[in-house]
Each structure stands twice: as structure tokens, then as C-alpha cells.
Amino acid sequence: MNATVAVIIAAYNAEATLERAIDSALAQPETAQVCVVDDGSRDGTLAVARAAALRDARVLALTQVNAGPAAARNAAIAATTAPWIAILDSDDYMLPGRLATLMAAAEGADFVADALMRVREEDPAPALNGTGFTPTTLDFENFVRGNMSVAHGLDLGFLKPVMRRGFLETHALTYRGLRLGEDYDFYCRALLHGARFLVGGSAGYISIDRPGSLSNDHTAEDLRQMRDCDSAYPAIRPLTKRERDVLRQHWARVDCRLQWRLLIDAVKRRDAMAAISTFHSPPAARYLAARLGEQLWQRGPLRVWLTVASMFSQGEAPPGVVA
């Protein structure tokens, strides 16, 4: 098969893992280009990318002021020309044969993705189960639903597909400037624009679980922006009742996480009114009550009570609910 895929890698402080990611992309015969965009790293990430570019002419090393993975991916897409684009995170890697498997299923498709194989950094590379890659078509309703649960090993919010450049160009589709949920938003908009999106089992994308990753470390504003994306989708095309219903459920789930973050921030500031306002809807109130119940169980009633009571006092808030 001809080399038809541009692998794009957004990299931030990824000195320790970037070479492995690049090498795993170069080892795929389908790789025509590897574009690494250093997102304003403070370590040797850019040096690693430039060294790889010196070793292999297929590698392009770019840098930008820190603007997040969405902006870095947009820069990489603009800098490459191959007809297909593959997303690879800088701390992840691909097993041999992954791109061949995805591209074999790509005829007539706009996006093709496999289930992530999640491992810890210290774990050895897993082996494929040998059952074969049999993709099915993913629609908007089931994609949004799949972002509220994980079924059959598919974590739809973190898919790393190969994407047809022609489809992106036809619909002027780029990543929006989110620091959380940028993949979810991008795939939602693609599906609403009519993308034929195929998803199957594991084909060899190794996703490294890292406690310090951005998906595990986000602010209230990150969550607010991710939640509010859902409100914009009906402007792309009219939604069915089932699509509207599942989108409302997703909005409410993200809002619950946002209100928990806002509650934590209010406790830190000892702002009682702001804390009360987070219980603004029945779903949020139930979610917050459950999370506070977890805190009572883990930390003890007295400690949590002192934390909440401190919002009404002039003294320093003791450690407690905040995380």
C-alpha cells in the first residue's frame, strides 16, 4: 500500500515519550509524514522532534506558543498534505500494522477508529487478541451516548482515528480552542456534517494512562467550554428527538462535573452563596449530594462539617472537601 497517512502529534513537555511515539509512526509503511507540533514545552520536547527530523525526512518539527492540543493539531493538519490524517498523542504509541488495519477498512469512509488499548507506562506492550478488526458505523446519537459510558472496551471520547483530509476541507472542519473535550467536539461536528465514521475493536493504538494528563487535571472554565459545545450543535443541522434527548443528558452530566468544580472553588474562597448556587438543578443537586457523601465517608463528618462551616467564618478554611 502507498504511504498515504500524515501522523500528527501535539506535544507538550513530552521529552520522555515523544521519540517512542514518532518511531512507532515511522514504522508504519502507510506513514507519508509525521508532523510534531511542540506546544510551548519547557523541556527538551522540541529538541527530540528536531533530532527525529534530521534522522528521517518524513518528520516535520514545528513549535508554537502554548495554546493547547487543539491549536497544535490544527497547525499540524495545515502543515501536512497526505490524503489521510492520523492522530497520535505524544505519550502514546502504535503497534506495527495498526495503520494497515485501519486503512484496509477506509474505503468509502471519512473516519476510521479502533478501540484504545490502555496500559500503564511501566506495563509491557500488550498483544492484539487476533480476533480481527470488524468496524461498524457510528452515528451522532450513539457517539454522544458512548461519551457517557464505556461499552465493549470503546471509550468514544478519546478515539484517535484516521481521517480523510478531503472531508475536513469540504466542511472547513478544524479543532476549536478547547483544552478539554476537543476530540468530542471535533467528532460531534464531523458526524453532524455527515461523516461516515467507522469504529471497531483494537488494532494497535496504545494509550498510556498518566495521572497528570490534562484529561485528569482540568479547571471549571475547561468544563464550562466543553459543556457549552452541546448547545451549539443544533445549529449545524436539525436534530431528531432522540439526538436532542441524549445531548441534554450529556450536557447535564458535564454540568454536574462543572458544579462540583465550582463548589470546590467556592469552599476554597469561603463563598457560601456561590456554593449554594451550584445546586441549581435536580441533576446537579443529586450529583453534589452524592459527592459530598463520598467526602463524609472518606474524611469523616466532623472534618467536612468544619470545611463547610468555615465558609461562614472569618478564619482560614481547614483542609477537607477540596481536592
Protein backbone atom coordinates (compact mmCIF):
# COMPACT_ATOMS: atom_id res chain seq x y z
CA MET A 1 0.00 0.00 0.00
CA ASN A 2 1.22 3.53 -0.78
CA ALA A 3 2.18 5.87 2.04
CA THR A 4 -0.97 7.98 2.34
CA VAL A 5 -1.18 8.97 6.02
CA ALA A 6 0.10 12.05 7.84
CA VAL A 7 0.53 11.27 11.54
CA ILE A 8 0.12 14.43 13.61
CA ILE A 9 1.42 14.71 17.17
CA ALA A 10 0.67 17.59 19.53
CA ALA A 11 3.44 17.55 22.14
CA TYR A 12 3.77 19.39 25.44
CA ASN A 13 6.59 18.54 27.87
CA ALA A 14 6.82 15.12 26.21
CA GLU A 15 10.60 14.73 26.08
CA ALA A 16 10.48 11.33 27.78
CA THR A 17 7.95 9.69 25.43
CA LEU A 18 7.97 11.60 22.14
CA GLU A 19 10.69 9.57 20.42
CA ARG A 20 8.75 6.36 21.05
CA ALA A 21 5.61 7.89 19.54
CA ILE A 22 7.49 9.15 16.46
CA ASP A 23 9.28 5.85 15.91
CA SER A 24 6.00 3.91 16.15
CA ALA A 25 4.54 6.15 13.43
CA LEU A 26 7.57 5.87 11.16
CA ALA A 27 7.45 2.07 11.47
CA GLN A 28 4.06 2.03 9.71
CA PRO A 29 4.54 1.62 5.92
CA GLU A 30 1.44 3.79 5.36
CA THR A 31 3.08 6.82 7.01
CA ALA A 32 3.94 9.54 4.49
CA GLN A 33 4.54 12.32 7.03
CA VAL A 34 4.92 12.76 10.78
CA CYS A 35 4.27 16.30 11.98
CA VAL A 36 5.17 17.13 15.58
CA VAL A 37 3.96 20.47 16.95
CA ASP A 38 5.70 21.46 20.17
CA ASP A 39 3.10 23.38 22.18
CA GLY A 40 5.48 25.71 24.03
CA SER A 41 7.13 22.96 26.08
CA ARG A 42 9.52 23.81 28.91
CA ASP A 43 11.65 20.67 28.48
CA GLY A 44 13.52 19.12 25.56
CA THR A 45 10.44 18.18 23.50
CA LEU A 46 11.37 20.38 20.55
CA ALA A 47 14.94 19.07 20.53
CA VAL A 48 13.63 15.49 20.35
CA ALA A 49 11.35 16.41 17.43
CA ARG A 50 14.13 18.19 15.56
CA ALA A 51 16.52 15.28 16.07
CA ALA A 52 13.90 12.94 14.59
CA ALA A 53 13.50 15.29 11.61
CA LEU A 54 17.23 15.10 10.98
CA ARG A 55 17.10 11.29 11.01
CA ASP A 56 14.06 10.91 8.74
CA ALA A 57 12.90 13.34 6.05
CA ARG A 58 9.27 12.36 6.71
CA VAL A 59 9.34 14.14 10.08
CA LEU A 60 8.41 17.81 10.35
CA ALA A 61 9.11 19.60 13.66
CA LEU A 62 7.12 22.78 14.40
CA THR A 63 6.74 24.89 17.52
CA GLN A 64 4.18 27.38 18.80
CA VAL A 65 3.42 29.45 21.87
CA ASN A 66 1.47 27.27 24.31
CA ALA A 67 -2.11 27.21 23.02
CA GLY A 68 -3.28 23.68 23.77
CA PRO A 69 -3.62 20.46 21.77
CA ALA A 70 -6.45 21.72 19.56
CA ALA A 71 -4.35 24.57 18.17
CA ALA A 72 -1.35 22.26 17.77
CA ARG A 73 -3.38 19.75 15.77
CA ASN A 74 -4.75 22.48 13.53
CA ALA A 75 -1.20 23.62 12.83
CA ALA A 76 -0.12 20.07 12.01
CA ILE A 77 -3.07 19.47 9.69
CA ALA A 78 -2.30 22.72 7.85
CA ALA A 79 1.39 21.80 7.52
CA THR A 80 0.81 18.33 6.02
CA THR A 81 -0.56 17.19 2.68
CA ALA A 82 -1.22 13.43 2.81
CA PRO A 83 -4.82 12.47 1.96
CA TRP A 84 -5.37 10.80 5.34
CA ILE A 85 -4.57 12.17 8.80
CA ALA A 86 -3.92 10.07 11.91
CA ILE A 87 -3.99 11.45 15.45
CA LEU A 88 -1.31 10.23 17.86
CA ASP A 89 -0.77 11.62 21.36
CA SER A 90 2.83 12.27 22.32
CA ASP A 91 2.80 9.85 25.26
CA ASP A 92 1.08 7.06 23.30
CA TYR A 93 2.32 4.79 20.51
CA MET A 94 1.13 2.40 17.82
CA LEU A 95 1.82 -1.29 17.38
CA PRO A 96 3.11 -2.46 13.99
CA GLY A 97 0.34 -2.91 11.46
CA ARG A 98 -2.18 -0.56 13.04
CA LEU A 99 -2.44 1.87 10.13
CA ALA A 100 -2.62 -1.01 7.64
CA THR A 101 -5.61 -2.40 9.53
CA LEU A 102 -7.43 0.94 9.62
CA MET A 103 -6.69 1.82 6.01
CA ALA A 104 -7.91 -1.58 4.81
CA ALA A 105 -11.34 -0.59 6.17
CA ALA A 106 -11.23 3.01 4.97
CA GLU A 107 -12.76 2.73 1.50
CA GLY A 108 -15.91 4.84 1.43
CA ALA A 109 -15.31 6.12 4.97
CA ASP A 110 -14.34 9.54 6.31
CA PHE A 111 -13.14 8.43 9.76
CA VAL A 112 -11.92 5.01 10.92
CA ALA A 113 -11.04 4.37 14.57
CA ASP A 114 -10.10 1.46 16.79
CA ALA A 115 -10.59 0.80 20.48
CA LEU A 116 -7.76 2.14 22.63
CA MET A 117 -5.54 -0.40 24.39
CA ARG A 118 -4.95 1.25 27.78
CA VAL A 119 -1.80 0.40 29.74
CA ARG A 120 0.34 2.00 32.43
CA GLU A 121 3.74 3.32 31.50
CA GLU A 122 5.50 0.51 33.33
CA ASP A 123 3.46 -2.23 31.62
CA PRO A 124 4.83 -4.12 28.60
CA ALA A 125 3.21 -3.57 25.22
CA PRO A 126 0.08 -5.72 25.02
CA ALA A 127 -0.58 -8.18 22.21
CA LEU A 128 -3.56 -7.94 19.88
CA ASN A 129 -6.18 -10.60 20.56
CA GLY A 130 -6.20 -11.79 16.93
CA THR A 131 -9.98 -11.59 16.55
CA GLY A 132 -9.74 -9.20 13.60
CA PHE A 133 -10.91 -5.65 13.07
CA THR A 134 -14.58 -5.54 12.11
CA PRO A 135 -15.80 -1.94 12.22
CA THR A 136 -19.38 -0.74 12.43
CA THR A 137 -20.85 2.64 11.54
CA LEU A 138 -21.09 5.17 14.36
CA ASP A 139 -23.82 7.84 14.30
CA PHE A 140 -24.19 11.07 16.27
CA GLU A 141 -26.66 9.74 18.83
CA ASN A 142 -24.57 6.71 19.73
CA PHE A 143 -21.36 8.72 19.77
CA VAL A 144 -22.77 11.15 22.35
CA ARG A 145 -24.23 8.25 24.32
CA GLY A 146 -20.87 6.50 24.20
CA ASN A 147 -19.27 9.51 25.87
CA MET A 148 -21.37 8.85 28.94
CA SER A 149 -20.30 5.23 29.38
CA VAL A 150 -17.71 2.74 28.17
CA ALA A 151 -19.08 -0.31 26.37
CA HIS A 152 -17.17 -3.26 24.96
CA GLY A 153 -13.83 -1.52 25.57
CA LEU A 154 -14.75 1.51 23.44
CA ASP A 155 -14.08 4.84 25.13
CA LEU A 156 -15.55 7.02 22.41
CA GLY A 157 -14.45 10.36 23.84
CA PHE A 158 -10.78 9.54 23.29
CA LEU A 159 -10.81 7.87 19.87
CA LYS A 160 -7.76 8.51 17.69
CA PRO A 161 -8.99 7.85 14.14
CA VAL A 162 -7.56 8.19 10.69
CA MET A 163 -9.48 11.00 8.96
CA ARG A 164 -9.96 11.81 5.31
CA ARG A 165 -8.46 15.23 4.58
CA GLY A 166 -10.93 15.87 1.78
CA PHE A 167 -13.85 15.66 4.22
CA LEU A 168 -12.24 18.15 6.61
CA GLU A 169 -11.54 20.57 3.78
CA THR A 170 -15.04 20.29 2.29
CA HIS A 171 -16.63 21.21 5.62
CA ALA A 172 -13.88 23.62 6.80
CA LEU A 173 -13.61 21.42 9.87
CA THR A 174 -10.91 22.36 12.38
CA TYR A 175 -10.44 21.84 16.10
CA ARG A 176 -11.91 24.55 18.31
CA GLY A 177 -9.78 26.05 21.05
CA LEU A 178 -10.80 23.72 23.87
CA ARG A 179 -8.36 22.32 26.42
CA LEU A 180 -10.77 19.57 27.46
CA GLY A 181 -13.10 17.61 25.19
CA GLU A 182 -11.57 18.85 21.94
CA ASP A 183 -11.87 15.37 20.42
CA TYR A 184 -15.51 15.02 21.49
CA ASP A 185 -16.40 18.38 19.95
CA PHE A 186 -14.49 17.68 16.71
CA TYR A 187 -16.12 14.29 16.17
CA CYS A 188 -19.59 15.61 17.03
CA ARG A 189 -19.31 18.30 14.39
CA ALA A 190 -17.93 15.83 11.84
CA LEU A 191 -20.85 13.45 12.42
CA LEU A 192 -23.39 16.25 12.16
CA HIS A 193 -21.83 17.23 8.84
CA GLY A 194 -22.48 13.69 7.60
CA ALA A 195 -19.17 11.92 8.18
CA ARG A 196 -19.20 8.16 7.69
CA PHE A 197 -17.43 7.17 10.90
CA LEU A 198 -16.37 3.54 11.36
CA VAL A 199 -15.33 2.15 14.75
CA GLY A 200 -14.02 -1.32 15.53
CA GLY A 201 -12.08 -3.26 18.12
CA SER A 202 -8.40 -3.00 18.98
CA ALA A 203 -5.99 -2.52 16.08
CA GLY A 204 -2.91 -1.38 17.98
CA TYR A 205 -3.28 2.10 19.45
CA ILE A 206 -1.57 2.02 22.88
CA SER A 207 -2.92 4.68 25.24
CA ILE A 208 -0.76 5.35 28.30
CA ASP A 209 -2.65 6.10 31.49
CA ARG A 210 -0.94 9.06 33.13
CA PRO A 211 -2.29 10.62 36.36
CA GLY A 212 -1.02 14.06 35.36
CA SER A 213 -2.62 14.22 31.92
CA LEU A 214 -4.87 17.16 31.06
CA SER A 215 -7.92 14.90 30.91
CA ASN A 216 -7.40 14.27 34.64
CA ASP A 217 -6.49 17.88 35.53
CA HIS A 218 -8.99 20.48 34.39
CA THR A 219 -10.48 23.78 35.54
CA ALA A 220 -14.03 25.00 35.83
CA GLU A 221 -13.58 27.00 32.63
CA ASP A 222 -12.41 23.88 30.77
CA LEU A 223 -15.59 22.09 31.84
CA ARG A 224 -17.78 25.11 31.05
CA GLN A 225 -16.47 25.29 27.49
CA MET A 226 -16.92 21.55 26.97
CA ARG A 227 -20.49 21.69 28.32
CA ASP A 228 -21.47 24.67 26.19
CA CYS A 229 -20.37 22.96 22.97
CA ASP A 230 -23.53 20.86 23.22
CA SER A 231 -25.69 23.97 22.93
CA ALA A 232 -24.16 24.86 19.54
CA TYR A 233 -24.72 21.57 17.70
CA PRO A 234 -28.40 22.10 16.69
CA ALA A 235 -27.23 25.00 14.51
CA ILE A 236 -25.32 22.56 12.25
CA ARG A 237 -28.43 20.58 11.32
CA PRO A 238 -31.84 19.82 12.86
CA LEU A 239 -31.64 17.08 15.48
CA THR A 240 -34.03 14.20 15.98
CA LYS A 241 -35.84 13.86 19.30
CA ARG A 242 -33.52 11.03 20.35
CA GLU A 243 -30.48 13.13 19.45
CA ARG A 244 -31.82 16.09 21.43
CA ASP A 245 -32.55 13.88 24.42
CA VAL A 246 -29.11 12.28 24.53
CA LEU A 247 -27.46 15.68 24.05
CA ARG A 248 -29.40 17.07 27.02
CA GLN A 249 -28.24 14.12 29.11
CA HIS A 250 -24.62 14.73 28.11
CA TRP A 251 -24.93 18.47 28.85
CA ALA A 252 -26.32 17.68 32.31
CA ARG A 253 -23.51 15.21 33.07
CA VAL A 254 -20.80 17.68 32.17
CA ASP A 255 -22.65 20.39 34.09
CA CYS A 256 -22.63 18.18 37.19
CA ARG A 257 -18.84 17.91 36.97
CA LEU A 258 -18.65 21.67 36.45
CA GLN A 259 -20.80 22.40 39.51
CA TRP A 260 -18.60 20.12 41.64
CA ARG A 261 -15.55 22.07 40.50
CA LEU A 262 -17.35 25.36 41.24
CA LEU A 263 -18.37 24.06 44.66
CA ILE A 264 -14.75 23.19 45.44
CA ASP A 265 -13.67 26.67 44.35
CA ALA A 266 -16.40 28.28 46.46
CA VAL A 267 -15.30 26.34 49.53
CA LYS A 268 -11.72 27.49 48.98
CA ARG A 269 -12.93 31.12 48.83
CA ARG A 270 -15.35 30.61 51.75
CA ASP A 271 -18.14 31.92 49.48
CA ALA A 272 -21.40 30.48 50.81
CA MET A 273 -23.67 31.99 48.16
CA ALA A 274 -21.54 30.66 45.32
CA ALA A 275 -21.56 27.23 46.96
CA ILE A 276 -25.36 27.24 47.27
CA SER A 277 -25.78 28.31 43.64
CA THR A 278 -24.08 25.13 42.42
CA PHE A 279 -27.20 23.16 43.48
CA HIS A 280 -29.07 24.87 40.63
CA SER A 281 -30.81 21.84 39.10
CA PRO A 282 -32.09 18.46 40.33
CA PRO A 283 -29.34 16.52 38.48
CA ALA A 284 -26.62 18.81 39.87
CA ALA A 285 -28.10 18.67 43.38
CA ARG A 286 -28.20 14.86 43.34
CA TYR A 287 -24.66 14.64 41.97
CA LEU A 288 -23.25 17.09 44.52
CA ALA A 289 -25.04 15.37 47.38
CA ALA A 290 -23.52 12.06 46.31
CA ARG A 291 -20.02 13.54 46.05
CA LEU A 292 -20.36 15.18 49.46
CA GLY A 293 -21.50 11.85 50.82
CA GLU A 294 -18.30 10.31 49.49
CA GLN A 295 -16.32 13.01 51.29
CA LEU A 296 -18.17 12.29 54.54
CA TRP A 297 -17.30 8.60 54.19
CA GLN A 298 -13.66 9.19 53.26
CA ARG A 299 -12.78 12.10 55.56
CA GLY A 300 -15.25 11.91 58.42
CA PRO A 301 -18.32 14.04 59.19
CA LEU A 302 -16.54 16.45 61.55
CA ARG A 303 -13.81 17.38 59.09
CA VAL A 304 -16.26 18.01 56.24
CA TRP A 305 -18.55 20.00 58.57
CA LEU A 306 -15.65 22.20 59.62
CA THR A 307 -14.75 22.76 55.98
CA VAL A 308 -18.27 23.86 55.03
CA ALA A 309 -18.73 25.86 58.24
CA SER A 310 -15.52 27.76 57.54
CA MET A 311 -17.25 29.46 54.58
CA PHE A 312 -19.32 31.39 57.11
CA SER A 313 -16.39 32.29 59.38
CA GLN A 314 -13.55 34.78 59.20
CA GLY A 315 -10.84 32.18 59.85
CA GLU A 316 -8.80 30.12 57.43
CA ALA A 317 -10.57 27.18 55.85
CA PRO A 318 -9.08 23.90 57.08
CA PRO A 319 -8.27 21.20 54.52
CA GLY A 320 -11.21 18.98 53.71
CA VAL A 321 -13.53 18.70 50.77
CA VAL A 322 -11.18 20.32 48.30
CA ALA A 323 -9.16 18.08 46.01
